[in-house]
């Protein structure tokens, strides 16, 4: 009795250990072109192989079982074959070319301005990675084709080989001559107060002459005429706050936006009184939008940005010392008044009175 049981176990193991060989070619349907490096796998297991460079494959599987072979290759429709593995087989696979559905890409750009004009989404600007937590409009322009940063990490832009001084930048129709804060690390434009930006790299409208590289048209928010809204943020270098809402509901609105750095506030306690270098930046935006009637609209906007560096130094002499206190700074200031009048359904007049001031250095 013991011998019979032992013999039956030996026979079972011998049968289970037997294998058969399945081989063949992998070809493309319709042309019989061999397909190299196609995958041939046993369905439901982790066993398989690949066809060689000539499209030939060879695979060993356990005998006396039914298997399903799956042949697949990138760009082709997979094929399955059921195999009764009682003896060796020659199985050729024919894979049809995979035809994808048509892909239609649509855009709203015309041929005339496809490479000339870009409409910048402020929603995307606020999602882009920011240097030291400061979302920056000008740095977002640097990722566009044909635009490069003048100096790595700066807000200067060189468009198609031009220089930073060859770009015309308008804020509500008023020229801004210096767009840099903190020696160029980020710009003077607070993204929370901007409505939209149009950026021309070429084919600029004739009325915006005087520059040869690009034209950047920045429009501030008009303000919410229905309800009061507030937005803000805290960065490593500065904090910002924006408030807008109705002056008269449905008829007029206002916008107030401010940003200030706090490097001078945080660093001052850690510096000696006779030796300090303090830096401060601020920018302010104010705007009012008034609907006089159905045909007349009046907009008043003001912008101010300044940077100030204060250096206090102790000067030692033979038997005395003195304290040298100096300041260096630069600032922008713009004021714009816009009147929009509708004559009829085909004619509209937009009149802009603007003032722009840029000073460097001021002490």
Protein backbone atom coordinates (compact mmCIF):
# COMPACT_ATOMS: atom_id res chain seq x y z
CA UNK A 1 0.00 0.00 0.00
CA UNK A 2 2.79 2.39 0.78
CA UNK A 3 4.64 1.57 -2.46
CA UNK A 4 1.60 2.28 -4.66
CA UNK A 5 1.04 5.68 -3.07
CA UNK A 6 4.69 6.63 -3.55
CA UNK A 7 4.63 5.56 -7.20
CA UNK A 8 1.52 7.60 -7.95
CA UNK A 9 3.14 10.76 -6.55
CA UNK A 10 6.22 10.27 -8.73
CA UNK A 11 4.10 9.86 -11.85
CA UNK A 12 2.07 13.00 -11.07
CA UNK A 13 5.13 15.17 -10.63
CA UNK A 14 6.66 13.84 -13.84
CA UNK A 15 3.55 14.66 -15.85
CA UNK A 16 3.26 18.17 -14.36
CA UNK A 17 6.88 18.95 -15.13
CA UNK A 18 6.48 18.21 -18.88
CA UNK A 19 6.43 21.18 -21.25
CA UNK A 20 5.78 21.74 -24.92
CA UNK A 21 7.16 24.34 -27.28
CA UNK A 22 5.08 26.84 -29.23
CA UNK A 23 6.82 28.88 -31.91
CA UNK A 24 5.99 30.87 -35.00
CA UNK A 25 6.10 34.28 -36.65
CA UNK A 26 4.50 37.59 -35.89
CA UNK A 27 3.47 39.46 -39.02
CA UNK A 28 1.44 42.47 -40.03
CA UNK A 29 -1.97 41.81 -41.57
CA UNK A 30 -2.22 42.71 -45.25
CA UNK A 31 1.50 43.02 -45.96
CA UNK A 32 3.00 39.98 -44.15
CA UNK A 33 5.74 42.31 -42.88
CA UNK A 34 7.41 40.67 -39.89
CA UNK A 35 7.01 42.53 -36.61
CA UNK A 36 10.08 42.48 -34.37
CA UNK A 37 9.90 42.70 -30.58
CA UNK A 38 6.18 41.95 -30.35
CA UNK A 39 4.95 40.62 -27.00
CA UNK A 40 3.58 37.06 -26.71
CA UNK A 41 2.15 36.28 -23.28
CA UNK A 42 0.12 33.51 -21.64
CA UNK A 43 -3.12 35.11 -20.54
CA UNK A 44 -3.67 35.10 -16.80
CA UNK A 45 0.00 34.41 -15.98
CA UNK A 46 3.25 36.34 -15.83
CA UNK A 47 4.91 34.11 -18.45
CA UNK A 48 5.70 35.25 -21.97
CA UNK A 49 8.36 36.21 -24.48
CA UNK A 50 9.15 38.61 -27.34
CA UNK A 51 9.67 38.04 -31.04
CA UNK A 52 13.24 38.60 -32.18
CA UNK A 53 14.45 41.12 -34.74
CA UNK A 54 13.21 38.82 -37.53
CA UNK A 55 9.72 38.43 -36.04
CA UNK A 56 10.25 34.83 -34.80
CA UNK A 57 9.30 33.71 -31.29
CA UNK A 58 9.57 30.51 -29.24
CA UNK A 59 7.76 29.85 -25.98
CA UNK A 60 7.62 26.86 -23.61
CA UNK A 61 4.37 26.17 -21.72
CA UNK A 62 3.29 23.37 -19.35
CA UNK A 63 1.75 20.41 -21.16
CA UNK A 64 -1.74 18.93 -20.83
CA UNK A 65 -3.48 22.26 -20.21
CA UNK A 66 -5.44 24.74 -22.31
CA UNK A 67 -3.82 28.17 -22.66
CA UNK A 68 -4.69 31.45 -24.35
CA UNK A 69 -1.80 33.25 -26.01
CA UNK A 70 -2.04 37.03 -26.44
CA UNK A 71 0.15 38.77 -29.02
CA UNK A 72 0.40 42.55 -28.93
CA UNK A 73 2.55 45.37 -30.26
CA UNK A 74 2.37 49.15 -30.10
CA UNK A 75 0.42 50.53 -33.06
CA UNK A 76 -1.35 47.22 -33.79
CA UNK A 77 -4.54 45.53 -32.64
CA UNK A 78 -3.80 42.62 -30.23
CA UNK A 79 -4.63 39.04 -31.24
CA UNK A 80 -5.55 36.01 -29.11
CA UNK A 81 -5.18 32.29 -29.86
CA UNK A 82 -6.39 29.30 -27.81
CA UNK A 83 -3.88 26.43 -27.58
CA UNK A 84 -4.40 22.84 -26.42
CA UNK A 85 -0.93 22.06 -25.15
CA UNK A 86 -0.73 18.34 -25.64
CA UNK A 87 1.95 18.63 -28.31
CA UNK A 88 4.25 21.19 -29.92
CA UNK A 89 2.56 23.83 -32.10
CA UNK A 90 3.51 26.27 -34.81
CA UNK A 91 1.30 29.37 -34.46
CA UNK A 92 1.69 32.48 -36.55
CA UNK A 93 0.14 35.74 -35.42
CA UNK A 94 -1.15 38.39 -37.84
CA UNK A 95 -1.70 41.80 -36.26
CA UNK A 96 -3.82 44.46 -38.02
CA UNK A 97 -2.54 48.04 -37.98
CA UNK A 98 -4.38 50.05 -35.32
CA UNK A 99 -6.24 52.98 -36.82
CA UNK A 100 -6.97 55.83 -34.43
CA UNK A 101 -9.93 58.17 -34.68
CA UNK A 102 -9.29 61.55 -36.23
CA UNK A 103 -7.96 64.17 -33.80
CA UNK A 104 -9.19 67.71 -34.44
CA UNK A 105 -7.37 70.61 -32.78
CA UNK A 106 -9.23 73.91 -32.76
CA UNK A 107 -7.99 77.36 -31.80
CA UNK A 108 -9.30 80.91 -31.82
CA UNK A 109 -6.23 82.47 -33.41
CA UNK A 110 -6.30 83.64 -37.01
CA UNK A 111 -3.38 83.20 -39.37
CA UNK A 112 -2.60 86.93 -39.18
CA UNK A 113 -2.00 86.97 -35.43
CA UNK A 114 -1.16 83.34 -34.65
CA UNK A 115 2.46 84.16 -33.93
CA UNK A 116 2.01 87.88 -33.27
CA UNK A 117 -0.54 88.30 -30.47
CA UNK A 118 -1.06 86.37 -27.24
CA UNK A 119 -3.94 86.80 -24.83
CA UNK A 120 -2.54 86.05 -21.38
CA UNK A 121 -4.85 84.31 -18.92
CA UNK A 122 -4.40 85.66 -15.38
CA UNK A 123 -5.88 82.42 -14.07
CA UNK A 124 -2.86 80.54 -15.45
CA UNK A 125 -0.43 83.22 -14.24
CA UNK A 126 -1.57 82.66 -10.67
CA UNK A 127 -1.02 78.90 -11.03
CA UNK A 128 2.52 79.12 -12.37
CA UNK A 129 5.52 78.47 -10.07
CA UNK A 130 6.58 81.69 -8.39
CA UNK A 131 9.92 83.01 -7.21
CA UNK A 132 9.77 83.41 -3.41
CA UNK A 133 5.97 83.19 -3.51
CA UNK A 134 5.49 86.23 -5.78
CA UNK A 135 3.19 85.56 -8.74
CA UNK A 136 4.56 87.62 -11.60
CA UNK A 137 2.97 88.57 -14.92
CA UNK A 138 6.21 89.45 -16.73
CA UNK A 139 7.89 86.17 -15.76
CA UNK A 140 4.89 84.38 -17.28
CA UNK A 141 5.60 86.10 -20.59
CA UNK A 142 9.17 84.74 -20.53
CA UNK A 143 7.93 81.19 -21.19
CA UNK A 144 6.34 82.15 -24.53
CA UNK A 145 8.09 81.35 -27.83
CA UNK A 146 10.42 84.10 -29.00
CA UNK A 147 10.76 85.63 -25.51
CA UNK A 148 13.80 85.38 -23.26
CA UNK A 149 14.75 86.81 -19.89
CA UNK A 150 17.43 89.48 -20.12
CA UNK A 151 19.16 88.14 -17.01
CA UNK A 152 18.34 84.84 -15.31
CA UNK A 153 15.78 85.46 -12.55
CA UNK A 154 14.97 89.02 -13.68
CA UNK A 155 11.73 90.48 -15.03
CA UNK A 156 13.34 91.95 -18.13
CA UNK A 157 12.18 90.44 -21.41
CA UNK A 158 13.99 90.30 -24.74
CA UNK A 159 11.65 89.63 -27.65
CA UNK A 160 13.10 88.14 -30.83
CA UNK A 161 16.62 89.44 -30.15
CA UNK A 162 15.58 92.92 -28.98
CA UNK A 163 16.43 94.60 -25.69
CA UNK A 164 14.22 95.38 -22.70
CA UNK A 165 14.08 99.06 -23.66
CA UNK A 166 12.51 98.20 -27.02
CA UNK A 167 9.24 96.98 -25.44
CA UNK A 168 6.26 99.30 -25.06
CA UNK A 169 4.29 98.62 -21.84
CA UNK A 170 0.94 100.32 -21.23
CA UNK A 171 -1.10 100.18 -18.03
CA UNK A 172 -4.67 101.33 -18.74
CA UNK A 173 -3.34 103.22 -21.74
CA UNK A 174 -0.44 104.90 -19.89
CA UNK A 175 3.24 104.15 -20.50
CA UNK A 176 5.17 102.46 -17.68
CA UNK A 177 8.90 103.05 -18.12
CA UNK A 178 10.30 100.84 -15.35
CA UNK A 179 8.67 97.51 -14.51
CA UNK A 180 11.19 96.24 -11.95
CA UNK A 181 11.01 95.76 -8.22
CA UNK A 182 13.96 94.60 -6.08
CA UNK A 183 16.56 95.28 -8.80
CA UNK A 184 14.59 93.19 -11.28
CA UNK A 185 13.62 90.09 -9.27
CA UNK A 186 9.90 90.67 -9.89
CA UNK A 187 7.72 93.25 -11.60
CA UNK A 188 5.63 96.15 -10.31
CA UNK A 189 2.35 94.58 -11.49
CA UNK A 190 0.20 92.92 -8.84
CA UNK A 191 -1.61 90.03 -10.56
CA UNK A 192 -4.61 90.39 -8.20
CA UNK A 193 -5.46 93.80 -9.73
CA UNK A 194 -5.11 92.89 -13.43
CA UNK A 195 -8.05 92.02 -15.69
CA UNK A 196 -6.35 90.91 -18.89
CA UNK A 197 -3.13 91.28 -20.89
CA UNK A 198 -2.56 91.45 -24.65
CA UNK A 199 0.99 90.78 -25.80
CA UNK A 200 2.15 91.53 -29.35
CA UNK A 201 5.49 90.07 -30.45
CA UNK A 202 5.12 91.45 -33.99
CA UNK A 203 2.55 93.09 -36.28
CA UNK A 204 1.74 95.64 -33.58
CA UNK A 205 -1.11 98.08 -34.27
CA UNK A 206 0.18 101.26 -35.93
CA UNK A 207 -1.11 103.49 -33.12
CA UNK A 208 1.38 101.86 -30.73
CA UNK A 209 4.56 103.01 -32.41
CA UNK A 210 7.91 103.96 -30.94
CA UNK A 211 9.08 100.43 -30.08
CA UNK A 212 10.57 97.75 -32.33
CA UNK A 213 10.32 94.55 -30.23
CA UNK A 214 6.95 94.14 -28.56
CA UNK A 215 3.86 95.79 -27.12
CA UNK A 216 2.27 94.76 -23.80
CA UNK A 217 -1.22 96.11 -23.07
CA UNK A 218 -2.24 95.62 -19.41
CA UNK A 219 -5.77 96.41 -18.26
CA UNK A 220 -6.69 96.77 -14.60
CA UNK A 221 -9.85 95.35 -13.08
CA UNK A 222 -12.82 97.70 -13.21
CA UNK A 223 -14.15 96.58 -9.84
CA UNK A 224 -17.24 94.60 -8.92
CA UNK A 225 -20.43 96.67 -9.32
CA UNK A 226 -22.61 94.21 -7.40
CA UNK A 227 -20.80 93.18 -4.22
CA UNK A 228 -17.68 93.82 -2.16
CA UNK A 229 -14.74 91.46 -2.71
CA UNK A 230 -11.30 91.14 -1.14
CA UNK A 231 -8.21 89.17 -2.07
CA UNK A 232 -4.66 88.99 -0.81
CA UNK A 233 -1.61 86.92 -0.16
CA UNK A 234 1.50 86.63 1.99
CA UNK A 235 4.86 85.88 0.41
CA UNK A 236 8.40 85.57 1.70
CA UNK A 237 9.26 89.10 0.56
CA UNK A 238 5.98 91.01 0.58
CA UNK A 239 2.27 90.92 1.28
CA UNK A 240 -0.52 92.18 -0.93
CA UNK A 241 -4.17 93.14 -0.51
CA UNK A 242 -6.87 93.98 -3.07
CA UNK A 243 -10.35 95.32 -2.39
CA UNK A 244 -13.05 96.08 -4.95
CA UNK A 245 -16.78 96.69 -4.86
CA UNK A 246 -19.63 99.02 -5.81
CA UNK A 247 -19.70 102.75 -5.16
CA UNK A 248 -23.31 102.75 -6.35
CA UNK A 249 -24.66 99.29 -6.98
CA UNK A 250 -24.96 98.53 -10.66
CA UNK A 251 -23.68 101.99 -11.68
CA UNK A 252 -20.14 102.51 -10.40
CA UNK A 253 -17.29 100.59 -8.79
CA UNK A 254 -13.87 101.02 -7.22
CA UNK A 255 -10.62 99.07 -6.98
CA UNK A 256 -7.87 99.44 -4.38
CA UNK A 257 -4.75 97.29 -4.42
CA UNK A 258 -1.55 97.57 -2.39
CA UNK A 259 1.64 95.60 -1.90
CA UNK A 260 4.54 96.19 0.47
CA UNK A 261 7.70 94.36 1.38
CA UNK A 262 8.70 93.77 4.98
CA UNK A 263 12.40 93.10 4.64
CA UNK A 264 13.17 96.40 6.38
CA UNK A 265 10.79 95.59 9.25
CA UNK A 266 12.14 92.08 9.84
CA UNK A 267 15.86 92.77 9.35
CA UNK A 268 16.15 96.08 11.20
CA UNK A 269 16.12 94.54 14.74
CA UNK A 270 19.05 92.29 13.80
CA UNK A 271 21.29 95.09 12.52
CA UNK A 272 23.42 97.50 14.51
CA UNK A 273 22.17 101.09 14.53
CA UNK A 274 25.43 102.39 13.06
CA UNK A 275 25.51 99.84 10.20
CA UNK A 276 22.27 99.07 8.39
CA UNK A 277 21.16 98.35 4.85
CA UNK A 278 17.38 98.34 4.55
CA UNK A 279 15.22 97.80 1.49
CA UNK A 280 11.54 98.65 0.97
CA UNK A 281 9.19 98.35 -2.00
CA UNK A 282 5.59 99.46 -2.37
CA UNK A 283 3.05 99.64 -5.15
CA UNK A 284 -0.46 101.07 -5.08
CA UNK A 285 -3.33 100.90 -7.56
CA UNK A 286 -6.60 102.84 -7.38
CA UNK A 287 -9.37 102.86 -9.94
CA UNK A 288 -12.97 104.09 -10.26
CA UNK A 289 -15.37 103.06 -13.00
CA UNK A 290 -18.56 105.09 -13.50
CA UNK A 291 -21.45 104.45 -15.90
CA UNK A 292 -22.80 107.96 -16.51
CA UNK A 293 -25.58 106.69 -18.77
CA UNK A 294 -26.06 104.01 -21.42
CA UNK A 295 -23.76 105.82 -23.87
CA UNK A 296 -21.08 107.28 -21.59
CA UNK A 297 -18.59 105.63 -19.28
CA UNK A 298 -15.82 107.32 -17.27
CA UNK A 299 -12.78 105.55 -15.80
CA UNK A 300 -10.14 107.06 -13.52
CA UNK A 301 -7.04 105.05 -12.57
CA UNK A 302 -3.81 105.78 -10.72
CA UNK A 303 -0.70 103.69 -10.17
CA UNK A 304 2.37 104.25 -7.99
CA UNK A 305 5.37 101.97 -7.44
CA UNK A 306 8.56 102.77 -5.58
CA UNK A 307 11.73 101.11 -4.32
CA UNK A 308 13.93 102.56 -1.60
CA UNK A 309 17.32 101.44 -0.30
CA UNK A 310 18.62 103.09 2.88
CA UNK A 311 22.24 102.62 3.94
CA UNK A 312 23.54 103.69 7.36
CA UNK A 313 27.28 103.36 7.87
CA UNK A 314 29.66 104.31 10.65
CA UNK A 315 32.77 106.09 9.41
CA UNK A 316 35.84 105.95 11.69
CA UNK A 317 38.42 108.74 11.69
CA UNK A 318 41.56 109.35 13.80
CA UNK A 319 39.89 110.45 17.02
CA UNK A 320 36.25 110.65 15.99
CA UNK A 321 33.60 108.92 14.01
CA UNK A 322 30.53 109.94 12.08
CA UNK A 323 27.38 108.29 10.80
CA UNK A 324 26.66 108.37 7.08
CA UNK A 325 22.98 108.00 6.17
CA UNK A 326 22.03 107.80 2.49
CA UNK A 327 19.06 106.71 0.44
CA UNK A 328 18.67 105.57 -3.15
CA UNK A 329 15.38 104.88 -4.84
CA UNK A 330 13.31 104.90 -7.99
CA UNK A 331 9.59 105.25 -8.61
CA UNK A 332 6.84 105.10 -11.21
CA UNK A 333 3.61 107.06 -11.17
CA UNK A 334 0.81 107.03 -13.74
CA UNK A 335 -2.63 108.63 -13.93
CA UNK A 336 -5.19 107.91 -16.63
CA UNK A 337 -8.68 109.24 -17.37
CA UNK A 338 -10.71 107.40 -20.01
CA UNK A 339 -14.01 108.51 -21.50
CA UNK A 340 -15.98 106.09 -23.66
CA UNK A 341 -18.87 107.46 -25.72
CA UNK A 342 -21.14 105.46 -27.99
CA UNK A 343 -22.49 107.49 -30.92
CA UNK A 344 -24.46 104.66 -32.50
CA UNK A 345 -24.32 100.89 -32.96
CA UNK A 346 -21.38 101.22 -35.38
CA UNK A 347 -19.35 104.10 -33.92
CA UNK A 348 -17.66 104.45 -30.53
CA UNK A 349 -15.16 107.02 -29.25
CA UNK A 350 -12.50 106.18 -26.67
CA UNK A 351 -10.60 109.20 -25.31
CA UNK A 352 -7.64 108.81 -22.95
CA UNK A 353 -5.86 111.52 -20.96
CA UNK A 354 -2.75 110.14 -19.30
CA UNK A 355 0.26 111.20 -17.25
CA UNK A 356 3.38 109.13 -16.59
CA UNK A 357 6.33 109.96 -14.35
CA UNK A 358 9.53 107.98 -13.75
CA UNK A 359 12.34 109.14 -11.49
CA UNK A 360 15.72 107.59 -10.68
CA UNK A 361 17.39 108.20 -8.35
CA UNK A 362 15.44 110.17 -5.81
CA UNK A 363 16.86 111.03 -2.38
